[in-house]
N, C-alpha and C. Protein backbone atom coordinates (compact mmCIF):
# COMPACT_ATOMS: atom_id res chain seq x y z
N MET A 1 50.74 21.09 -41.67
CA MET A 1 50.88 21.23 -40.12
C MET A 1 50.77 19.87 -39.53
N ASN A 2 51.94 20.02 -38.43
CA ASN A 2 51.97 18.96 -37.96
C ASN A 2 51.61 18.70 -36.35
N ILE A 3 51.16 18.30 -35.92
CA ILE A 3 50.88 18.17 -34.01
C ILE A 3 51.33 17.56 -33.41
N LEU A 4 52.31 17.12 -32.39
CA LEU A 4 53.12 16.35 -31.26
C LEU A 4 52.55 17.40 -30.17
N LEU A 5 51.92 15.92 -29.67
CA LEU A 5 51.43 16.11 -28.36
C LEU A 5 52.11 15.13 -26.93
N GLY A 6 53.02 15.24 -26.36
CA GLY A 6 53.81 15.49 -25.82
C GLY A 6 52.38 14.78 -24.10
N ILE A 7 53.13 13.61 -23.61
CA ILE A 7 51.98 12.93 -22.60
C ILE A 7 52.61 12.58 -21.30
N GLY A 8 52.21 12.91 -19.69
CA GLY A 8 52.92 12.36 -19.04
C GLY A 8 53.66 13.24 -17.95
N ASN A 9 53.50 12.70 -16.91
CA ASN A 9 53.63 13.23 -15.69
C ASN A 9 54.82 13.22 -15.70
N GLU A 10 55.98 14.32 -15.15
CA GLU A 10 57.02 14.39 -15.55
C GLU A 10 57.99 14.65 -13.47
N ILE A 11 56.92 13.83 -12.47
CA ILE A 11 57.39 14.37 -11.62
C ILE A 11 57.79 12.81 -10.85
N LYS A 12 57.51 11.64 -12.26
CA LYS A 12 57.33 10.47 -12.52
C LYS A 12 58.11 9.48 -12.73
N GLY A 13 59.80 9.82 -12.90
CA GLY A 13 60.74 9.23 -14.03
C GLY A 13 60.26 9.38 -15.13
N ASP A 14 60.53 8.25 -15.74
CA ASP A 14 60.01 8.00 -17.75
C ASP A 14 59.16 8.24 -17.36
N ASP A 15 57.76 8.22 -16.91
CA ASP A 15 56.00 9.62 -17.50
C ASP A 15 56.41 10.56 -18.21
N GLY A 16 57.76 11.27 -17.76
CA GLY A 16 57.84 12.34 -18.37
C GLY A 16 58.56 12.43 -19.70
N VAL A 17 58.57 10.92 -20.14
CA VAL A 17 59.35 11.15 -21.39
C VAL A 17 58.35 12.02 -22.28
N GLY A 18 57.07 11.91 -22.65
CA GLY A 18 56.01 12.65 -23.89
C GLY A 18 57.09 13.97 -23.53
N ASN A 19 56.79 14.28 -22.37
CA ASN A 19 56.76 15.86 -22.54
C ASN A 19 57.95 16.18 -22.49
N ALA A 20 59.69 15.47 -22.50
CA ALA A 20 61.00 15.87 -23.07
C ALA A 20 60.87 15.56 -24.09
N ILE A 21 60.11 14.91 -25.16
CA ILE A 21 60.57 14.89 -26.57
C ILE A 21 59.73 16.10 -26.90
N ALA A 22 57.92 16.18 -26.53
CA ALA A 22 57.55 17.34 -27.23
C ALA A 22 58.40 18.94 -26.52
N ARG A 23 59.09 18.95 -25.55
CA ARG A 23 59.81 20.18 -25.18
C ARG A 23 60.92 20.21 -26.31
N GLU A 24 61.45 19.46 -26.33
CA GLU A 24 63.05 19.18 -27.40
C GLU A 24 62.98 19.04 -28.49
N PHE A 25 62.04 18.70 -29.08
CA PHE A 25 61.83 18.83 -31.09
C PHE A 25 60.76 20.43 -30.87
N SER A 26 61.85 20.50 -32.38
CA SER A 26 61.04 21.16 -32.83
C SER A 26 61.49 20.93 -34.58
N ALA A 27 60.80 21.57 -35.47
CA ALA A 27 60.55 21.43 -36.86
C ALA A 27 59.75 22.19 -37.41
N PRO A 28 60.41 22.72 -38.97
CA PRO A 28 59.38 23.62 -39.78
C PRO A 28 58.13 22.22 -39.72
N GLY A 29 57.29 23.34 -40.10
CA GLY A 29 55.69 22.15 -40.22
C GLY A 29 55.36 21.47 -39.05
N TRP A 30 56.04 21.91 -37.90
CA TRP A 30 55.18 21.57 -36.68
C TRP A 30 55.38 22.03 -35.66
N LYS A 31 54.19 21.87 -34.88
CA LYS A 31 54.01 22.32 -33.86
C LYS A 31 54.14 21.79 -32.45
N SER A 32 54.53 21.22 -31.40
CA SER A 32 55.38 20.89 -29.91
C SER A 32 55.00 21.22 -29.04
N ILE A 33 53.36 20.53 -28.15
CA ILE A 33 53.50 20.71 -26.98
C ILE A 33 53.43 19.57 -26.27
N PRO A 34 54.51 19.71 -25.05
CA PRO A 34 54.32 19.34 -24.02
C PRO A 34 52.45 19.32 -23.07
N CYS A 35 51.80 18.62 -23.17
CA CYS A 35 50.59 17.91 -22.77
C CYS A 35 50.34 18.61 -20.23
N GLU A 36 51.71 17.58 -20.39
CA GLU A 36 51.57 17.39 -18.83
C GLU A 36 50.65 16.31 -19.10
N THR A 37 49.88 15.96 -17.77
CA THR A 37 48.52 14.82 -17.87
C THR A 37 46.98 15.44 -18.48
N VAL A 38 47.54 15.64 -18.82
CA VAL A 38 45.93 17.06 -19.74
C VAL A 38 46.15 17.15 -20.74
N PRO A 39 45.99 15.92 -21.68
CA PRO A 39 46.14 16.69 -22.65
C PRO A 39 44.83 17.23 -23.80
N GLU A 40 43.95 16.57 -23.32
CA GLU A 40 42.23 17.11 -23.72
C GLU A 40 42.26 18.76 -23.09
N ASN A 41 43.43 19.33 -22.65
CA ASN A 41 43.42 20.87 -22.36
C ASN A 41 43.63 21.47 -23.86
N PHE A 42 44.37 20.36 -25.00
CA PHE A 42 45.10 21.20 -26.09
C PHE A 42 44.29 20.45 -27.01
N THR A 43 42.77 20.91 -27.05
CA THR A 43 41.93 19.86 -28.23
C THR A 43 41.44 21.13 -29.05
N ALA A 44 41.59 22.35 -28.24
CA ALA A 44 41.33 23.33 -29.45
C ALA A 44 42.06 23.70 -30.26
N VAL A 45 43.17 23.12 -29.94
CA VAL A 45 44.46 23.87 -30.98
C VAL A 45 44.28 22.46 -31.93
N VAL A 46 44.09 21.31 -32.01
CA VAL A 46 43.62 20.31 -32.83
C VAL A 46 43.26 20.68 -33.86
N LYS A 47 41.38 21.05 -33.27
CA LYS A 47 40.81 21.64 -34.10
C LYS A 47 41.14 22.28 -34.55
N ARG A 48 41.56 23.11 -34.11
CA ARG A 48 41.77 25.07 -35.19
C ARG A 48 42.52 24.30 -36.17
N GLU A 49 43.83 23.26 -35.98
CA GLU A 49 45.05 23.68 -36.62
C GLU A 49 44.61 22.53 -38.12
N LYS A 50 43.84 21.27 -37.75
CA LYS A 50 43.45 20.72 -38.52
C LYS A 50 44.45 20.05 -39.13
N PRO A 51 46.07 19.46 -38.44
CA PRO A 51 46.87 18.68 -38.65
C PRO A 51 46.75 17.33 -39.23
N GLU A 52 47.76 17.20 -41.02
CA GLU A 52 48.26 16.76 -41.10
C GLU A 52 47.94 15.38 -40.82
N LEU A 53 48.76 15.11 -39.74
CA LEU A 53 49.80 14.83 -38.93
C LEU A 53 49.26 14.70 -37.51
N LEU A 54 48.68 14.26 -36.51
CA LEU A 54 49.16 14.10 -35.40
C LEU A 54 49.61 12.95 -34.31
N VAL A 55 50.56 13.43 -33.72
CA VAL A 55 50.94 12.10 -33.33
C VAL A 55 50.88 12.39 -31.16
N MET A 56 50.71 11.59 -30.82
CA MET A 56 50.72 11.26 -29.10
C MET A 56 52.14 10.34 -29.16
N VAL A 57 52.74 10.73 -27.84
CA VAL A 57 54.27 10.26 -27.09
C VAL A 57 53.96 9.89 -25.96
N ASP A 58 53.64 9.33 -24.52
CA ASP A 58 52.93 8.53 -23.81
C ASP A 58 53.89 7.27 -23.18
N ALA A 59 54.82 7.55 -21.64
CA ALA A 59 55.17 6.55 -21.24
C ALA A 59 53.43 4.97 -21.35
N THR A 60 54.35 3.86 -21.52
CA THR A 60 52.89 2.97 -21.49
C THR A 60 54.03 2.28 -21.28
N ASP A 61 52.50 0.78 -20.26
CA ASP A 61 53.24 -0.23 -19.41
C ASP A 61 52.60 -1.50 -20.02
N MET A 62 53.72 -2.02 -21.74
CA MET A 62 53.03 -2.71 -22.57
C MET A 62 53.69 -4.41 -21.57
N GLY A 63 54.22 -4.65 -21.08
CA GLY A 63 54.71 -5.32 -20.29
C GLY A 63 56.42 -5.88 -21.14
N LEU A 64 56.49 -5.06 -22.53
CA LEU A 64 58.35 -4.98 -22.80
C LEU A 64 59.64 -4.27 -21.64
N GLU A 65 60.77 -4.62 -22.31
CA GLU A 65 62.14 -4.18 -21.84
C GLU A 65 61.58 -2.58 -22.13
N PRO A 66 62.55 -1.94 -21.10
CA PRO A 66 62.25 -0.49 -20.96
C PRO A 66 63.06 -0.07 -22.31
N GLY A 67 62.10 1.09 -22.56
CA GLY A 67 62.93 1.71 -23.92
C GLY A 67 61.81 1.22 -25.04
N GLU A 68 61.44 0.13 -24.84
CA GLU A 68 60.58 -0.57 -25.58
C GLU A 68 59.68 0.50 -26.29
N MET A 69 59.52 0.86 -28.06
CA MET A 69 58.56 1.62 -28.47
C MET A 69 57.25 1.03 -29.17
N ARG A 70 56.28 1.07 -29.02
CA ARG A 70 54.89 0.17 -30.09
C ARG A 70 54.11 1.79 -30.79
N LEU A 71 54.16 1.08 -31.94
CA LEU A 71 52.33 2.20 -32.18
C LEU A 71 51.00 1.55 -31.53
N ILE A 72 50.18 1.98 -30.77
CA ILE A 72 49.11 0.95 -30.57
C ILE A 72 47.72 1.79 -31.20
N SER A 73 47.08 1.32 -31.27
CA SER A 73 45.59 1.49 -31.71
C SER A 73 44.62 1.97 -31.11
N LYS A 74 43.61 2.28 -31.57
CA LYS A 74 42.84 2.99 -30.46
C LYS A 74 42.26 2.20 -29.69
N ASP A 75 41.53 1.31 -30.86
CA ASP A 75 41.20 0.17 -30.06
C ASP A 75 42.34 -0.39 -28.74
N ARG A 76 43.37 -0.43 -28.49
CA ARG A 76 44.12 -1.16 -27.85
C ARG A 76 44.21 -0.15 -26.88
N LEU A 77 43.98 1.00 -26.38
CA LEU A 77 44.50 2.32 -26.05
C LEU A 77 43.80 2.00 -24.42
N ASN A 78 42.28 1.33 -24.36
CA ASN A 78 42.31 1.33 -23.20
C ASN A 78 42.89 0.03 -22.63
N THR A 79 43.54 -1.16 -23.33
CA THR A 79 44.00 -2.04 -22.77
C THR A 79 45.04 -1.86 -21.71
N GLU A 80 45.65 -0.42 -22.42
CA GLU A 80 47.42 -0.45 -21.87
C GLU A 80 47.60 0.53 -20.31
N SER A 81 48.01 0.63 -19.58
CA SER A 81 48.53 1.44 -18.77
C SER A 81 48.31 3.37 -18.77
N HIS A 82 47.52 4.24 -18.31
CA HIS A 82 47.68 5.18 -18.56
C HIS A 82 46.96 5.81 -17.55
N GLY A 83 47.21 5.42 -16.31
CA GLY A 83 46.87 5.97 -15.33
C GLY A 83 46.44 7.27 -14.52
N THR A 84 47.70 8.07 -15.22
CA THR A 84 47.88 9.57 -14.89
C THR A 84 47.07 10.63 -15.55
N HIS A 85 46.50 9.96 -16.30
CA HIS A 85 45.05 11.07 -17.54
C HIS A 85 43.93 11.04 -16.73
N SER A 86 43.47 12.03 -17.15
CA SER A 86 42.16 12.71 -16.46
C SER A 86 41.34 11.71 -17.09
N LEU A 87 41.33 12.12 -18.87
CA LEU A 87 40.18 11.65 -19.28
C LEU A 87 41.38 10.31 -20.09
N PRO A 88 40.49 9.76 -20.24
CA PRO A 88 40.89 7.81 -20.75
C PRO A 88 41.70 8.42 -22.62
N LEU A 89 42.69 8.51 -22.40
CA LEU A 89 43.48 8.35 -24.42
C LEU A 89 42.28 7.92 -25.09
N ARG A 90 41.52 5.87 -24.93
CA ARG A 90 40.94 6.69 -26.38
C ARG A 90 39.85 7.35 -26.60
N HIS A 91 39.14 7.55 -25.39
CA HIS A 91 37.72 8.91 -25.88
C HIS A 91 38.86 9.99 -26.55
N PHE A 92 39.49 10.27 -25.49
CA PHE A 92 40.86 11.95 -26.69
C PHE A 92 41.11 11.74 -28.08
N VAL A 93 41.62 10.33 -28.68
CA VAL A 93 42.15 10.06 -29.77
C VAL A 93 40.49 9.81 -30.66
N THR A 94 39.61 8.55 -29.76
CA THR A 94 38.69 9.03 -31.12
C THR A 94 37.76 10.47 -31.02
N HIS A 95 37.82 11.86 -29.93
CA HIS A 95 36.73 12.51 -30.34
C HIS A 95 38.00 13.14 -31.05
N LEU A 96 39.29 13.27 -31.42
CA LEU A 96 40.05 14.07 -32.44
C LEU A 96 39.99 12.84 -33.67
N GLY A 97 39.14 12.15 -34.31
CA GLY A 97 40.14 11.71 -35.00
C GLY A 97 38.66 12.34 -36.39
N ASN A 98 38.25 13.28 -36.53
CA ASN A 98 37.74 14.03 -37.54
C ASN A 98 38.61 15.19 -37.04
N HIS A 99 39.42 15.40 -36.48
CA HIS A 99 39.85 17.04 -36.68
C HIS A 99 41.59 16.75 -37.04
N ALA A 100 42.22 15.44 -37.22
CA ALA A 100 43.24 15.18 -38.13
C ALA A 100 43.06 13.87 -39.02
N LYS A 101 43.72 13.95 -39.95
CA LYS A 101 43.38 12.84 -41.21
C LYS A 101 44.68 11.85 -40.28
N ARG A 102 45.78 12.10 -39.82
CA ARG A 102 46.27 10.90 -39.66
C ARG A 102 46.55 11.35 -38.30
N ILE A 103 46.17 9.85 -36.89
CA ILE A 103 46.69 10.00 -35.99
C ILE A 103 47.39 8.99 -35.75
N ILE A 104 48.84 8.86 -34.94
CA ILE A 104 49.30 7.89 -33.92
C ILE A 104 50.00 8.18 -32.77
N PHE A 105 49.73 7.48 -32.00
CA PHE A 105 49.99 6.99 -30.67
C PHE A 105 51.08 6.20 -30.48
N MET A 106 52.53 6.57 -29.62
CA MET A 106 53.71 6.17 -29.44
C MET A 106 53.86 5.75 -28.07
N GLY A 107 53.43 4.28 -27.67
CA GLY A 107 53.92 4.11 -26.13
C GLY A 107 55.48 3.89 -26.41
N ILE A 108 55.83 4.44 -25.01
CA ILE A 108 57.47 3.88 -24.80
C ILE A 108 57.42 3.30 -23.00
N GLN A 109 58.01 1.78 -23.74
CA GLN A 109 58.14 1.46 -22.30
C GLN A 109 58.43 2.32 -21.03
N PRO A 110 58.37 2.17 -19.24
CA PRO A 110 58.65 3.33 -18.60
C PRO A 110 60.09 2.31 -18.44
N LYS A 111 60.67 2.03 -17.43
CA LYS A 111 61.64 1.69 -16.31
C LYS A 111 61.27 1.77 -14.72
N ASN A 112 61.25 3.21 -14.84
CA ASN A 112 60.72 3.66 -13.50
C ASN A 112 59.78 4.80 -13.32
N LEU A 113 58.69 4.36 -13.04
CA LEU A 113 57.66 5.33 -12.92
C LEU A 113 57.62 5.86 -11.21
N ASP A 114 58.06 5.60 -10.04
CA ASP A 114 58.22 6.72 -8.75
C ASP A 114 59.00 7.94 -9.54
N ILE A 115 58.40 8.84 -8.26
CA ILE A 115 58.97 10.09 -7.96
C ILE A 115 60.61 9.97 -7.96
N ALA A 116 60.50 10.72 -9.02
CA ALA A 116 62.24 10.76 -9.79
C ALA A 116 62.05 12.14 -10.59
N GLU A 117 63.57 12.46 -10.31
CA GLU A 117 63.92 13.29 -11.28
C GLU A 117 64.47 12.82 -12.34
N GLY A 118 64.01 13.44 -13.57
CA GLY A 118 64.53 12.56 -15.25
C GLY A 118 64.42 11.52 -15.56
N LEU A 119 65.00 11.10 -16.41
CA LEU A 119 64.70 9.25 -17.89
C LEU A 119 65.93 8.60 -17.33
N SER A 120 65.28 7.21 -17.30
CA SER A 120 66.19 5.65 -17.23
C SER A 120 67.10 5.87 -18.33
N PRO A 121 68.28 5.71 -17.91
CA PRO A 121 68.98 5.92 -19.64
C PRO A 121 68.57 4.96 -21.05
N GLU A 122 67.64 4.05 -20.85
CA GLU A 122 66.93 3.01 -21.41
C GLU A 122 65.89 4.26 -22.41
N VAL A 123 64.33 4.48 -21.37
CA VAL A 123 64.24 5.93 -21.49
C VAL A 123 64.65 6.71 -22.45
N THR A 124 66.04 7.67 -22.36
CA THR A 124 66.69 8.53 -22.42
C THR A 124 66.82 7.93 -23.97
N LYS A 125 67.28 6.89 -24.30
CA LYS A 125 67.66 6.48 -25.64
C LYS A 125 66.90 6.00 -26.50
N ALA A 126 65.05 5.13 -26.18
CA ALA A 126 64.11 5.53 -26.67
C ALA A 126 63.84 7.17 -27.48
N LYS A 127 64.42 8.29 -25.86
CA LYS A 127 63.73 9.77 -26.81
C LYS A 127 64.29 9.83 -27.50
N GLU A 128 65.72 9.66 -27.99
CA GLU A 128 66.16 10.49 -28.74
C GLU A 128 65.91 9.40 -30.41
N ARG A 129 65.87 8.54 -30.01
CA ARG A 129 65.03 7.84 -31.35
C ARG A 129 63.61 8.36 -31.69
N VAL A 130 62.76 9.12 -31.37
CA VAL A 130 61.35 9.04 -31.08
C VAL A 130 62.44 10.66 -31.74
N LEU A 131 62.78 11.38 -31.19
CA LEU A 131 63.10 12.60 -32.06
C LEU A 131 64.13 12.44 -33.76
N GLY A 132 64.12 12.10 -33.77
CA GLY A 132 64.86 11.23 -34.96
C GLY A 132 63.76 11.09 -36.16
N MET A 133 62.87 10.25 -35.30
CA MET A 133 61.82 9.41 -36.12
C MET A 133 60.76 11.12 -36.50
N LEU A 134 60.48 12.01 -35.59
CA LEU A 134 59.88 12.77 -36.05
C LEU A 134 60.23 13.92 -36.94
N LYS A 135 61.41 14.17 -36.48
CA LYS A 135 62.31 15.13 -37.79
C LYS A 135 62.29 14.36 -39.27
N LYS A 136 61.81 13.08 -39.73
CA LYS A 136 61.62 12.34 -40.74
C LYS A 136 59.96 12.14 -40.52
N ALA A 137 59.29 12.03 -40.46
CA ALA A 137 58.07 11.85 -39.98
C ALA A 137 57.52 9.92 -40.48
N ASP A 138 59.00 9.87 -39.98
CA ASP A 138 59.00 8.03 -40.15
C ASP A 138 58.55 7.46 -39.66
N PHE A 139 58.01 6.51 -39.03
CA PHE A 139 57.59 5.55 -37.78
C PHE A 139 57.52 4.51 -38.32
N SER A 140 57.74 3.94 -39.77
CA SER A 140 57.66 2.51 -40.57
C SER A 140 58.92 1.73 -39.52
N GLY A 141 59.99 1.87 -38.42
CA GLY A 141 60.42 1.38 -37.65
C GLY A 141 60.09 0.37 -36.27
N VAL A 142 58.94 1.36 -36.07
CA VAL A 142 58.47 0.71 -35.10
C VAL A 142 57.41 -0.37 -35.01
N LYS A 143 57.32 -1.21 -34.13
CA LYS A 143 56.38 -2.38 -34.48
C LYS A 143 55.01 -2.14 -34.35
N HIS A 144 53.74 -2.51 -33.98
CA HIS A 144 52.23 -1.87 -33.49
C HIS A 144 52.45 -3.36 -32.66
N LEU A 145 51.37 -2.99 -31.58
CA LEU A 145 50.81 -3.35 -30.35
C LEU A 145 49.54 -3.86 -30.91
């Protein structure tokens, strides 16, 4: 079993990309959860399921072009912008480290974080790419930050 946690605030434009991915993704052997801004509310699910792979996707300001994505190590999470979450993601990932065999945190560079409906075209394109990667569970084409 693999788990996808989509993270973000959907009323803030591109910040909702993680939740959009989680809502749209479905594949055998996967549990997909849109967590909104409180991924820590889903720690019990991760602890109970003990996934082979835990993937978290969130809009992350990395100073890149909109729609670009990076895999972010736990050590780098505090240096990136994750202001919409009640628990720092580094602590969340550390807490789940013993409950998943492999954890991937993917950040997608937002274009717009203002109050707005929907995703920008650049982030929508990234969303489609991530959905394809998830179906194959292959993230080898994504650079590390």
